[in-house]
Protein backbone atom coordinates (compact mmCIF):
# COMPACT_ATOMS: atom_id res chain seq x y z
CA MET A 1 -64.65 203.66 38.10
CA ALA A 2 -66.16 207.13 38.22
CA LEU A 3 -67.29 209.27 41.11
CA ILE A 4 -70.86 210.53 41.33
CA LYS A 5 -72.60 212.80 43.82
CA CYS A 6 -74.99 211.32 46.34
CA LYS A 7 -78.46 212.74 45.73
CA GLU A 8 -79.11 212.87 49.49
CA CYS A 9 -75.96 214.28 51.09
CA GLY A 10 -74.08 215.54 47.99
CA LYS A 11 -70.77 213.77 48.80
CA GLU A 12 -68.83 212.00 46.07
CA ILE A 13 -69.22 208.22 45.99
CA SER A 14 -68.30 205.44 43.57
CA ASP A 15 -70.69 204.77 40.71
CA GLN A 16 -70.41 201.06 41.59
CA ALA A 17 -71.72 201.57 45.15
CA THR A 18 -75.22 200.30 45.93
CA MET A 19 -75.69 202.92 48.66
CA CYS A 20 -73.91 205.98 50.00
CA PRO A 21 -71.35 205.04 52.68
CA TYR A 22 -71.95 208.37 54.43
CA CYS A 23 -75.74 208.63 54.64
CA GLY A 24 -76.96 205.20 53.47
CA CYS A 25 -79.08 206.56 50.60
CA PRO A 26 -79.58 203.82 47.96
CA THR A 27 -78.24 204.54 44.48
CA GLY A 28 -79.60 203.35 41.16
CA GLN A 29 -77.06 200.54 41.14
CA MET A 30 -78.99 198.25 43.51
CA ARG A 31 -78.97 194.75 42.13
CA LYS A 32 -81.99 192.52 42.17
CA THR A 33 -81.60 189.11 43.74
CA LEU A 34 -83.19 186.18 41.97
CA VAL A 35 -84.80 183.69 44.33
CA GLN A 36 -85.79 180.33 42.94
CA ILE A 37 -88.66 178.69 44.75
CA ASP A 38 -88.57 174.93 45.05
CA THR A 39 -91.93 173.46 44.00
CA ALA A 40 -90.97 169.88 44.84
CA PRO A 41 -92.19 170.03 48.47
CA LYS A 42 -95.71 170.81 47.23
CA LYS A 43 -95.54 167.82 44.93
CA ARG A 44 -94.21 165.59 47.69
CA ARG A 45 -96.96 166.79 50.06
CA LYS A 46 -99.57 165.47 47.63
CA TYR A 47 -98.00 162.02 47.73
CA ARG A 48 -97.69 162.09 51.53
CA VAL A 49 -101.43 162.73 51.82
CA ARG A 50 -102.11 159.83 49.50
CA PHE A 51 -99.80 157.64 51.58
CA LEU A 52 -101.71 158.59 54.74
CA ILE A 53 -104.95 157.55 53.03
CA PHE A 54 -103.71 154.22 51.69
CA ALA A 55 -101.66 153.07 54.72
CA PRO A 56 -104.70 152.57 57.00
CA MET A 57 -106.49 150.74 54.17
CA PHE A 58 -103.56 148.35 53.90
CA PHE A 59 -103.21 147.71 57.62
CA LEU A 60 -106.96 147.31 58.18
CA GLY A 61 -107.17 145.00 55.18
CA VAL A 62 -104.36 142.81 56.49
CA LEU A 63 -105.76 142.80 60.02
CA PHE A 64 -109.32 141.90 59.03
CA THR A 65 -108.19 139.42 56.37
CA MET A 66 -106.30 137.49 59.02
CA GLY A 67 -109.33 137.75 61.31
CA SER A 68 -111.62 136.43 58.56
CA ILE A 69 -109.28 133.52 57.90
CA ALA A 70 -109.18 132.66 61.60
CA SER A 71 -112.97 132.81 62.00
CA GLY A 72 -113.72 131.07 58.69
CA GLU A 73 -115.89 133.85 57.22
CA GLY A 74 -115.37 133.52 53.47
CA GLY A 75 -117.55 136.46 52.36
CA LYS A 76 -115.67 139.08 54.32
CA LEU A 77 -112.31 137.56 53.40
CA ALA A 78 -112.48 138.72 49.77
CA PHE A 79 -113.56 142.26 50.70
CA TRP A 80 -110.79 142.80 53.24
CA PHE A 81 -108.18 141.15 51.01
CA ILE A 82 -109.04 143.52 48.14
CA THR A 83 -109.05 146.49 50.54
CA GLY A 84 -105.57 145.54 51.77
CA LEU A 85 -104.33 145.01 48.21
CA VAL A 86 -105.62 148.43 47.05
CA GLY A 87 -104.02 150.01 50.12
CA PHE A 88 -100.69 148.33 49.41
CA ILE A 89 -100.68 149.37 45.75
CA GLY A 90 -101.62 152.93 46.72
CA MET A 91 -98.79 153.10 49.26
CA VAL A 92 -96.25 151.87 46.72
CA VAL A 93 -97.40 154.31 44.03
CA SER A 94 -97.35 157.18 46.55
CA ALA A 95 -93.83 156.34 47.69
CA ILE A 96 -92.54 156.13 44.12
CA GLY A 97 -94.25 159.41 43.20
CA SER A 98 -92.73 161.13 46.20
CA TRP A 99 -89.24 159.95 45.25
CA LEU A 100 -89.68 161.06 41.63
CA ALA A 101 -90.93 164.52 42.72
CA GLU A 102 -87.61 165.38 44.39
CA PRO A 103 -85.53 167.91 42.45
């Protein structure tokens, strides 16, 4: 460990110091800190948006399918059943994608 002069106050300080203990002037020994940014939340957000799109499709499909069965309307039954099925599949795929996107 060697002593160097502070370029601000001229006092002797350690060459390992990151700043002068007397005046606070930074030395050339300042270390850079590496910050790793987690990109998984952005990926998970995409799947959450998809889930919010498919969940209402599923619940509306189930609700109106049961209503069509009760009223005996066969034409609307197929449409609402398929809508509920697409919503359910979309919800499942979104949930699985969200789980796989975690670090």
